[in-house]
Amino acid sequence: MQTIKDIIRESGLKATPQRLAIYQTMRDLGHASADAVEEAIKEKCPSLTVATIYNVLESFVNVGLLVRRYSSNNKMYFDVNTYEHAHIYDVNKNSYQDYDDPELIQLIQNYMASKVIPGFNIKNIEIQFVGTAL
């Protein structure tokens, strides 16, 4: 099994203590905003600022270790799971949960493969169900 250090190095980034701590925190949280990462990491790394955390998260997005997601209220979250999957977003808790349904993903991809949107090139399809937990 790969270590966090190996994963970061293989992405082409230096495995600094800050990057190691932030990526481990993201692995623990799954989906999080920069503010949530700061809250979760502040006891281990009290000197990390939100700006530094945000910059590290963005560097992880740039090399494919994280994916950027936007909530229905347009807040930015980061997702440690980079494979194709849908999300359930709870508006009351402002939280994401993965929803794995390969059949749904394939159905939408097949449907959109035969469609042409004039003047637009689809790069990615994101599925997000927005609601409240019961």
Protein backbone atom coordinates (compact mmCIF):
# COMPACT_ATOMS: atom_id res chain seq x y z
CA MET A 1 0.00 0.00 0.00
CA GLN A 2 1.29 3.44 -0.95
CA THR A 3 2.08 5.95 1.74
CA ILE A 4 0.84 9.53 1.63
CA LYS A 5 4.43 10.59 1.01
CA ASP A 6 4.68 8.26 -2.03
CA ILE A 7 1.35 9.49 -3.44
CA ILE A 8 2.43 13.14 -3.22
CA ARG A 9 5.88 12.44 -4.68
CA GLU A 10 4.43 10.42 -7.58
CA SER A 11 2.21 13.39 -8.43
CA GLY A 12 5.36 15.47 -8.98
CA LEU A 13 5.12 17.54 -5.80
CA LYS A 14 7.60 17.66 -2.93
CA ALA A 15 6.31 15.81 0.12
CA THR A 16 6.64 18.68 2.59
CA PRO A 17 5.31 18.30 6.15
CA GLN A 18 2.49 20.75 5.32
CA ARG A 19 1.43 18.80 2.23
CA LEU A 20 1.59 15.51 4.12
CA ALA A 21 -0.60 16.86 6.93
CA ILE A 22 -3.11 18.48 4.58
CA TYR A 23 -3.45 15.45 2.31
CA GLN A 24 -3.85 13.13 5.31
CA THR A 25 -6.55 15.45 6.66
CA MET A 26 -8.33 15.37 3.30
CA ARG A 27 -8.13 11.56 3.30
CA ASP A 28 -9.71 11.58 6.76
CA LEU A 29 -12.45 14.07 5.80
CA GLY A 30 -13.15 12.94 2.23
CA HIS A 31 -14.83 16.20 1.19
CA ALA A 32 -13.91 19.49 2.80
CA SER A 33 -13.50 23.22 2.33
CA ALA A 34 -10.21 24.93 3.13
CA ASP A 35 -11.84 26.23 6.33
CA ALA A 36 -12.84 22.69 7.37
CA VAL A 37 -9.30 21.46 6.74
CA GLU A 38 -7.94 24.29 8.88
CA GLU A 39 -10.35 23.41 11.69
CA ALA A 40 -9.40 19.72 11.53
CA ILE A 41 -5.65 20.31 11.34
CA LYS A 42 -5.12 23.28 13.67
CA GLU A 43 -4.02 21.23 16.69
CA LYS A 44 -1.41 19.28 14.67
CA CYS A 45 -0.22 22.27 12.63
CA PRO A 46 -1.22 25.51 14.37
CA SER A 47 1.00 27.66 12.12
CA LEU A 48 -0.85 26.75 8.90
CA THR A 49 -3.03 29.57 7.62
CA VAL A 50 -6.19 29.16 5.53
CA ALA A 51 -4.31 30.78 2.62
CA THR A 52 -1.53 28.17 2.81
CA ILE A 53 -4.06 25.36 3.11
CA TYR A 54 -6.00 26.71 0.12
CA ASN A 55 -2.80 26.98 -1.95
CA VAL A 56 -1.79 23.41 -1.09
CA LEU A 57 -5.30 22.13 -1.91
CA GLU A 58 -5.15 23.93 -5.27
CA SER A 59 -1.74 22.39 -6.00
CA PHE A 60 -3.29 18.98 -5.29
CA VAL A 61 -6.13 19.77 -7.74
CA ASN A 62 -3.60 20.82 -10.39
CA VAL A 63 -1.84 17.43 -10.23
CA GLY A 64 -5.03 15.37 -9.99
CA LEU A 65 -4.88 14.34 -6.32
CA LEU A 66 -8.11 16.21 -5.51
CA VAL A 67 -11.14 17.43 -7.43
CA ARG A 68 -12.78 20.80 -6.82
CA ARG A 69 -16.55 20.70 -6.15
CA TYR A 70 -19.08 23.50 -5.65
CA SER A 71 -22.06 23.25 -3.35
CA SER A 72 -25.51 24.55 -4.25
CA ASN A 73 -24.67 27.75 -2.32
CA ASN A 74 -21.47 28.04 -4.43
CA LYS A 75 -19.05 27.16 -1.63
CA MET A 76 -15.88 25.41 -2.82
CA TYR A 77 -15.13 21.95 -1.51
CA PHE A 78 -12.33 19.55 -2.35
CA ASP A 79 -12.87 15.85 -2.96
CA VAL A 80 -10.20 13.25 -2.30
CA ASN A 81 -12.03 10.70 -4.46
CA THR A 82 -11.08 11.47 -8.06
CA TYR A 83 -12.88 8.55 -9.72
CA GLU A 84 -16.23 9.07 -11.49
CA HIS A 85 -19.04 9.15 -8.98
CA ALA A 86 -22.07 11.23 -8.03
CA HIS A 87 -22.62 13.26 -4.88
CA ILE A 88 -25.37 13.83 -2.39
CA TYR A 89 -25.24 17.34 -0.95
CA ASP A 90 -27.15 18.02 2.28
CA VAL A 91 -28.12 21.70 2.33
CA ASN A 92 -28.84 21.69 6.07
CA LYS A 93 -25.46 20.27 7.03
CA ASN A 94 -23.50 21.75 4.08
CA SER A 95 -21.94 18.33 3.61
CA TYR A 96 -21.13 15.99 0.75
CA GLN A 97 -21.44 12.26 0.57
CA ASP A 98 -20.28 10.05 -2.29
CA TYR A 99 -22.97 8.20 -4.21
CA ASP A 100 -21.57 5.36 -6.29
CA ASP A 101 -23.86 4.28 -9.11
CA PRO A 102 -21.83 3.19 -12.16
CA GLU A 103 -25.03 2.39 -14.08
CA LEU A 104 -26.29 5.97 -13.69
CA ILE A 105 -22.91 7.43 -14.71
CA GLN A 106 -22.78 5.20 -17.80
CA LEU A 107 -26.38 5.99 -18.72
CA ILE A 108 -25.74 9.75 -18.65
CA GLN A 109 -22.42 9.45 -20.49
CA ASN A 110 -24.04 7.35 -23.22
CA TYR A 111 -26.95 9.77 -23.52
CA MET A 112 -24.70 12.83 -23.75
CA ALA A 113 -22.32 11.14 -26.23
CA SER A 114 -25.07 11.36 -28.86
CA LYS A 115 -25.97 14.97 -28.08
CA VAL A 116 -24.44 18.12 -29.51
CA ILE A 117 -24.65 21.37 -27.63
CA PRO A 118 -23.93 24.10 -30.20
CA GLY A 119 -20.84 26.11 -29.32
CA PHE A 120 -19.99 23.98 -26.30
CA ASN A 121 -17.56 21.10 -25.73
CA ILE A 122 -18.37 18.91 -22.71
CA LYS A 123 -15.23 18.06 -20.73
CA ASN A 124 -16.82 16.45 -17.70
CA ILE A 125 -20.22 15.60 -16.29
CA GLU A 126 -20.85 16.04 -12.58
CA ILE A 127 -23.95 14.62 -10.94
CA GLN A 128 -25.07 16.14 -7.67
CA PHE A 129 -28.27 15.41 -5.81
CA VAL A 130 -29.23 18.29 -3.53
CA GLY A 131 -31.56 17.79 -0.60
CA THR A 132 -31.78 17.13 3.10
CA ALA A 133 -31.15 14.02 5.16
CA LEU A 134 -34.21 12.27 6.52
